[in-house]
Amino acid sequence: MRTLLIICLMMFIGSSVSAQEFEYIGAKKCKICHNKPAKGAQYKVWLNNKHAKAMESLKGAEKNDPKCIKCHSTVGHVDAKLVLTLTKEEGVSCESCHGPGSKYKPNSIMKSREKSMAKGLILPTEKVCKKCHNEESPHYKGFNYEEYVKMIAHDNPLTK
């Protein structure tokens, strides 16, 4: 019984440590591969939507208010120790929805959905979006996931 307890404790500690290894790298690192038209030009899609400009919508004191920044910038909900090159001016970038990219960014990992997910890639769901698109926002006017997800669609044609 004691051995089982020790094994469980080691697994818990190991999973906590590995979860902390994923660091945020910023959209410019994602752009290296995700800007090519043949692969869907995801970076360009992001750059031209409201997520990329989320910080610009904040006025005056809102720009430094943690309650606002947490949803208007990827930095807002990230432990500073896990940030490599991310800035709040980037707005709501790739890693807000897809998770920190330090471990899944290598092309050798990104070629495999399973490997990418094991290295921290998140495939966004309605739950991910509702971390910010919810009643806590003073500007909330409802959120229709099926409608809004189409507005930010940025599929990779190579994975279809």
C-alpha atoms as a PDB file:
ATOM      1  CA  MET A   1       0.000   0.000   0.000  1.00  0.00           C
ATOM      2  CA  ARG A   2       2.811   2.389   0.869  1.00  0.00           C
ATOM      3  CA  THR A   3       4.518   1.635  -2.445  1.00  0.00           C
ATOM      4  CA  LEU A   4       1.306   2.446  -4.316  1.00  0.00           C
ATOM      5  CA  LEU A   5       1.005   5.743  -2.461  1.00  0.00           C
ATOM      6  CA  ILE A   6       4.599   6.663  -3.326  1.00  0.00           C
ATOM      7  CA  ILE A   7       4.048   5.790  -6.997  1.00  0.00           C
ATOM      8  CA  CYS A   8       0.889   7.919  -7.116  1.00  0.00           C
ATOM      9  CA  LEU A   9       2.684  10.818  -5.445  1.00  0.00           C
ATOM     10  CA  MET A  10       5.572  10.585  -7.921  1.00  0.00           C
ATOM     11  CA  MET A  11       3.140  10.551 -10.860  1.00  0.00           C
ATOM     12  CA  PHE A  12       1.353  13.629  -9.485  1.00  0.00           C
ATOM     13  CA  ILE A  13       4.609  15.520  -8.962  1.00  0.00           C
ATOM     14  CA  GLY A  14       5.870  14.449 -12.388  1.00  0.00           C
ATOM     15  CA  SER A  15       2.720  15.637 -14.129  1.00  0.00           C
ATOM     16  CA  SER A  16       2.845  18.974 -12.298  1.00  0.00           C
ATOM     17  CA  VAL A  17       6.449  19.517 -13.296  1.00  0.00           C
ATOM     18  CA  SER A  18       5.851  18.610 -16.942  1.00  0.00           C
ATOM     19  CA  ALA A  19       2.832  20.940 -17.128  1.00  0.00           C
ATOM     20  CA  GLN A  20       5.033  23.787 -15.947  1.00  0.00           C
ATOM     21  CA  GLU A  21       7.600  23.146 -18.686  1.00  0.00           C
ATOM     22  CA  PHE A  22       5.396  24.632 -21.408  1.00  0.00           C
ATOM     23  CA  GLU A  23       6.384  28.241 -22.043  1.00  0.00           C
ATOM     24  CA  TYR A  24       4.679  30.949 -24.079  1.00  0.00           C
ATOM     25  CA  ILE A  25       6.673  32.012 -27.123  1.00  0.00           C
ATOM     26  CA  GLY A  26       4.487  34.606 -28.879  1.00  0.00           C
ATOM     27  CA  ALA A  27       2.757  34.812 -32.251  1.00  0.00           C
ATOM     28  CA  LYS A  28       5.911  35.786 -34.150  1.00  0.00           C
ATOM     29  CA  LYS A  29       7.306  32.306 -33.526  1.00  0.00           C
ATOM     30  CA  CYS A  30       4.057  30.761 -34.809  1.00  0.00           C
ATOM     31  CA  LYS A  31       4.243  32.993 -37.885  1.00  0.00           C
ATOM     32  CA  ILE A  32       7.396  31.237 -39.091  1.00  0.00           C
ATOM     33  CA  CYS A  33       5.355  28.228 -40.243  1.00  0.00           C
ATOM     34  CA  HIS A  34       1.758  29.433 -40.071  1.00  0.00           C
ATOM     35  CA  ASN A  35       2.052  32.320 -42.528  1.00  0.00           C
ATOM     36  CA  LYS A  36       2.343  30.294 -45.712  1.00  0.00           C
ATOM     37  CA  PRO A  37      -0.740  30.322 -47.989  1.00  0.00           C
ATOM     38  CA  ALA A  38      -0.259  26.633 -48.817  1.00  0.00           C
ATOM     39  CA  LYS A  39      -0.663  25.854 -45.115  1.00  0.00           C
ATOM     40  CA  GLY A  40      -3.672  28.128 -44.562  1.00  0.00           C
ATOM     41  CA  ALA A  41      -1.938  31.431 -43.688  1.00  0.00           C
ATOM     42  CA  GLN A  42      -3.258  31.211 -40.117  1.00  0.00           C
ATOM     43  CA  TYR A  43      -1.060  34.076 -38.921  1.00  0.00           C
ATOM     44  CA  LYS A  44      -2.577  36.459 -41.479  1.00  0.00           C
ATOM     45  CA  VAL A  45      -6.096  35.370 -40.498  1.00  0.00           C
ATOM     46  CA  TRP A  46      -5.283  36.101 -36.835  1.00  0.00           C
ATOM     47  CA  LEU A  47      -3.559  39.404 -37.634  1.00  0.00           C
ATOM     48  CA  ASN A  48      -6.677  40.653 -39.410  1.00  0.00           C
ATOM     49  CA  ASN A  49      -9.212  39.789 -36.711  1.00  0.00           C
ATOM     50  CA  LYS A  50     -10.327  41.331 -33.429  1.00  0.00           C
ATOM     51  CA  HIS A  51      -8.213  38.999 -31.297  1.00  0.00           C
ATOM     52  CA  ALA A  52      -4.984  40.528 -32.620  1.00  0.00           C
ATOM     53  CA  LYS A  53      -6.348  43.998 -31.912  1.00  0.00           C
ATOM     54  CA  ALA A  54      -7.911  43.238 -28.524  1.00  0.00           C
ATOM     55  CA  MET A  55      -5.565  45.514 -26.558  1.00  0.00           C
ATOM     56  CA  GLU A  56      -6.374  48.419 -28.892  1.00  0.00           C
ATOM     57  CA  SER A  57     -10.006  48.280 -27.768  1.00  0.00           C
ATOM     58  CA  LEU A  58      -9.020  49.127 -24.176  1.00  0.00           C
ATOM     59  CA  LYS A  59      -9.035  52.798 -23.263  1.00  0.00           C
ATOM     60  CA  GLY A  60      -7.230  54.761 -20.538  1.00  0.00           C
ATOM     61  CA  ALA A  61      -6.840  52.890 -17.249  1.00  0.00           C
ATOM     62  CA  GLU A  62      -8.283  49.705 -18.801  1.00  0.00           C
ATOM     63  CA  LYS A  63      -4.957  49.180 -20.613  1.00  0.00           C
ATOM     64  CA  ASN A  64      -3.289  48.403 -17.272  1.00  0.00           C
ATOM     65  CA  ASP A  65      -6.222  46.865 -15.411  1.00  0.00           C
ATOM     66  CA  PRO A  66      -5.494  43.155 -14.774  1.00  0.00           C
ATOM     67  CA  LYS A  67      -9.233  42.386 -15.000  1.00  0.00           C
ATOM     68  CA  CYS A  68      -9.222  43.702 -18.571  1.00  0.00           C
ATOM     69  CA  ILE A  69      -5.798  42.456 -19.619  1.00  0.00           C
ATOM     70  CA  LYS A  70      -6.622  38.881 -18.604  1.00  0.00           C
ATOM     71  CA  CYS A  71      -8.937  38.611 -21.613  1.00  0.00           C
ATOM     72  CA  HIS A  72      -7.553  41.237 -23.975  1.00  0.00           C
ATOM     73  CA  SER A  73      -4.052  39.758 -24.002  1.00  0.00           C
ATOM     74  CA  THR A  74      -2.537  36.298 -23.773  1.00  0.00           C
ATOM     75  CA  VAL A  75      -0.173  37.705 -21.132  1.00  0.00           C
ATOM     76  CA  GLY A  76      -3.121  38.457 -18.852  1.00  0.00           C
ATOM     77  CA  HIS A  77      -3.637  34.894 -17.697  1.00  0.00           C
ATOM     78  CA  VAL A  78      -0.066  33.622 -17.848  1.00  0.00           C
ATOM     79  CA  ASP A  79       2.448  33.168 -15.051  1.00  0.00           C
ATOM     80  CA  ALA A  80       5.289  35.588 -15.886  1.00  0.00           C
ATOM     81  CA  LYS A  81       7.850  32.790 -15.377  1.00  0.00           C
ATOM     82  CA  LEU A  82       6.372  30.965 -18.377  1.00  0.00           C
ATOM     83  CA  VAL A  83       6.675  33.848 -20.823  1.00  0.00           C
ATOM     84  CA  LEU A  84       9.624  33.898 -23.211  1.00  0.00           C
ATOM     85  CA  THR A  85       8.812  36.526 -25.838  1.00  0.00           C
ATOM     86  CA  LEU A  86       5.152  37.410 -25.325  1.00  0.00           C
ATOM     87  CA  THR A  87       3.925  40.991 -24.896  1.00  0.00           C
ATOM     88  CA  LYS A  88       0.463  42.259 -23.970  1.00  0.00           C
ATOM     89  CA  GLU A  89       0.410  44.386 -27.131  1.00  0.00           C
ATOM     90  CA  GLU A  90       0.114  41.144 -29.091  1.00  0.00           C
ATOM     91  CA  GLY A  91      -3.484  40.920 -27.933  1.00  0.00           C
ATOM     92  CA  VAL A  92      -5.208  37.561 -27.837  1.00  0.00           C
ATOM     93  CA  SER A  93      -2.696  35.517 -29.781  1.00  0.00           C
ATOM     94  CA  CYS A  94      -2.286  31.917 -30.875  1.00  0.00           C
ATOM     95  CA  GLU A  95      -1.366  30.615 -27.441  1.00  0.00           C
ATOM     96  CA  SER A  96      -4.476  32.027 -25.746  1.00  0.00           C
ATOM     97  CA  CYS A  97      -6.451  29.370 -27.571  1.00  0.00           C
ATOM     98  CA  HIS A  98      -3.840  26.747 -28.464  1.00  0.00           C
ATOM     99  CA  GLY A  99      -1.738  26.722 -25.278  1.00  0.00           C
ATOM    100  CA  PRO A 100       1.936  27.582 -24.759  1.00  0.00           C
ATOM    101  CA  GLY A 101       3.964  26.574 -27.804  1.00  0.00           C
ATOM    102  CA  SER A 102       7.525  26.077 -26.594  1.00  0.00           C
ATOM    103  CA  LYS A 103       7.367  22.287 -26.754  1.00  0.00           C
ATOM    104  CA  TYR A 104       5.082  21.725 -29.746  1.00  0.00           C
ATOM    105  CA  LYS A 105       6.543  24.378 -32.106  1.00  0.00           C
ATOM    106  CA  PRO A 106       9.225  22.172 -33.710  1.00  0.00           C
ATOM    107  CA  ASN A 107       8.073  20.998 -37.139  1.00  0.00           C
ATOM    108  CA  SER A 108       8.949  17.414 -36.200  1.00  0.00           C
ATOM    109  CA  ILE A 109       6.313  17.620 -33.423  1.00  0.00           C
ATOM    110  CA  MET A 110       3.726  19.678 -35.344  1.00  0.00           C
ATOM    111  CA  LYS A 111       3.559  17.027 -38.072  1.00  0.00           C
ATOM    112  CA  SER A 112       1.682  14.817 -35.612  1.00  0.00           C
ATOM    113  CA  ARG A 113      -1.493  15.970 -33.876  1.00  0.00           C
ATOM    114  CA  GLU A 114      -0.946  13.399 -31.122  1.00  0.00           C
ATOM    115  CA  LYS A 115       2.656  14.465 -30.479  1.00  0.00           C
ATOM    116  CA  SER A 116       1.648  18.135 -30.548  1.00  0.00           C
ATOM    117  CA  MET A 117      -1.103  17.583 -28.012  1.00  0.00           C
ATOM    118  CA  ALA A 118       1.253  15.621 -25.771  1.00  0.00           C
ATOM    119  CA  LYS A 119       3.567  18.658 -25.882  1.00  0.00           C
ATOM    120  CA  GLY A 120       0.838  21.123 -24.872  1.00  0.00           C
ATOM    121  CA  LEU A 121      -1.158  21.929 -28.027  1.00  0.00           C
ATOM    122  CA  ILE A 122      -4.804  22.631 -27.236  1.00  0.00           C
ATOM    123  CA  LEU A 123      -7.507  22.192 -29.843  1.00  0.00           C
ATOM    124  CA  PRO A 124      -9.897  24.959 -28.801  1.00  0.00           C
ATOM    125  CA  THR A 125     -13.441  24.219 -27.760  1.00  0.00           C
ATOM    126  CA  GLU A 126     -16.349  26.370 -26.680  1.00  0.00           C
ATOM    127  CA  LYS A 127     -15.100  26.021 -23.100  1.00  0.00           C
ATOM    128  CA  VAL A 128     -11.756  27.596 -24.060  1.00  0.00           C
ATOM    129  CA  CYS A 129     -13.533  30.568 -25.658  1.00  0.00           C
ATOM    130  CA  LYS A 130     -15.834  31.034 -22.695  1.00  0.00           C
ATOM    131  CA  LYS A 131     -12.881  31.695 -20.397  1.00  0.00           C
ATOM    132  CA  CYS A 132     -13.259  35.254 -21.675  1.00  0.00           C
ATOM    133  CA  HIS A 133     -16.485  35.391 -23.645  1.00  0.00           C
ATOM    134  CA  ASN A 134     -18.759  35.244 -20.591  1.00  0.00           C
ATOM    135  CA  GLU A 135     -20.922  37.266 -18.203  1.00  0.00           C
ATOM    136  CA  GLU A 136     -17.890  38.556 -16.256  1.00  0.00           C
ATOM    137  CA  SER A 137     -17.110  40.944 -19.107  1.00  0.00           C
ATOM    138  CA  PRO A 138     -18.752  44.353 -18.765  1.00  0.00           C
ATOM    139  CA  HIS A 139     -19.324  44.328 -22.543  1.00  0.00           C
ATOM    140  CA  TYR A 140     -20.811  40.820 -22.775  1.00  0.00           C
ATOM    141  CA  LYS A 141     -23.714  40.602 -25.223  1.00  0.00           C
ATOM    142  CA  GLY A 142     -24.048  36.850 -25.437  1.00  0.00           C
ATOM    143  CA  PHE A 143     -21.787  34.352 -27.147  1.00  0.00           C
ATOM    144  CA  ASN A 144     -22.813  32.011 -29.930  1.00  0.00           C
ATOM    145  CA  TYR A 145     -19.849  29.670 -30.305  1.00  0.00           C
ATOM    146  CA  GLU A 146     -21.002  28.145 -33.595  1.00  0.00           C
ATOM    147  CA  GLU A 147     -21.354  31.598 -35.162  1.00  0.00           C
ATOM    148  CA  TYR A 148     -18.179  33.180 -33.775  1.00  0.00           C
ATOM    149  CA  VAL A 149     -15.826  30.276 -34.381  1.00  0.00           C
ATOM    150  CA  LYS A 150     -16.476  30.690 -38.118  1.00  0.00           C
ATOM    151  CA  MET A 151     -15.217  34.276 -37.887  1.00  0.00           C
ATOM    152  CA  ILE A 152     -11.795  33.137 -36.678  1.00  0.00           C
ATOM    153  CA  ALA A 153     -11.536  29.877 -38.646  1.00  0.00           C
ATOM    154  CA  HIS A 154      -7.972  29.268 -39.754  1.00  0.00           C
ATOM    155  CA  ASP A 155      -7.755  25.648 -40.804  1.00  0.00           C
ATOM    156  CA  ASN A 156      -4.641  24.040 -42.131  1.00  0.00           C
ATOM    157  CA  PRO A 157      -5.538  22.519 -45.525  1.00  0.00           C
ATOM    158  CA  LEU A 158      -2.748  19.972 -45.111  1.00  0.00           C
ATOM    159  CA  THR A 159      -4.506  18.351 -42.136  1.00  0.00           C
ATOM    160  CA  LYS A 160      -7.873  17.844 -43.839  1.00  0.00           C
END
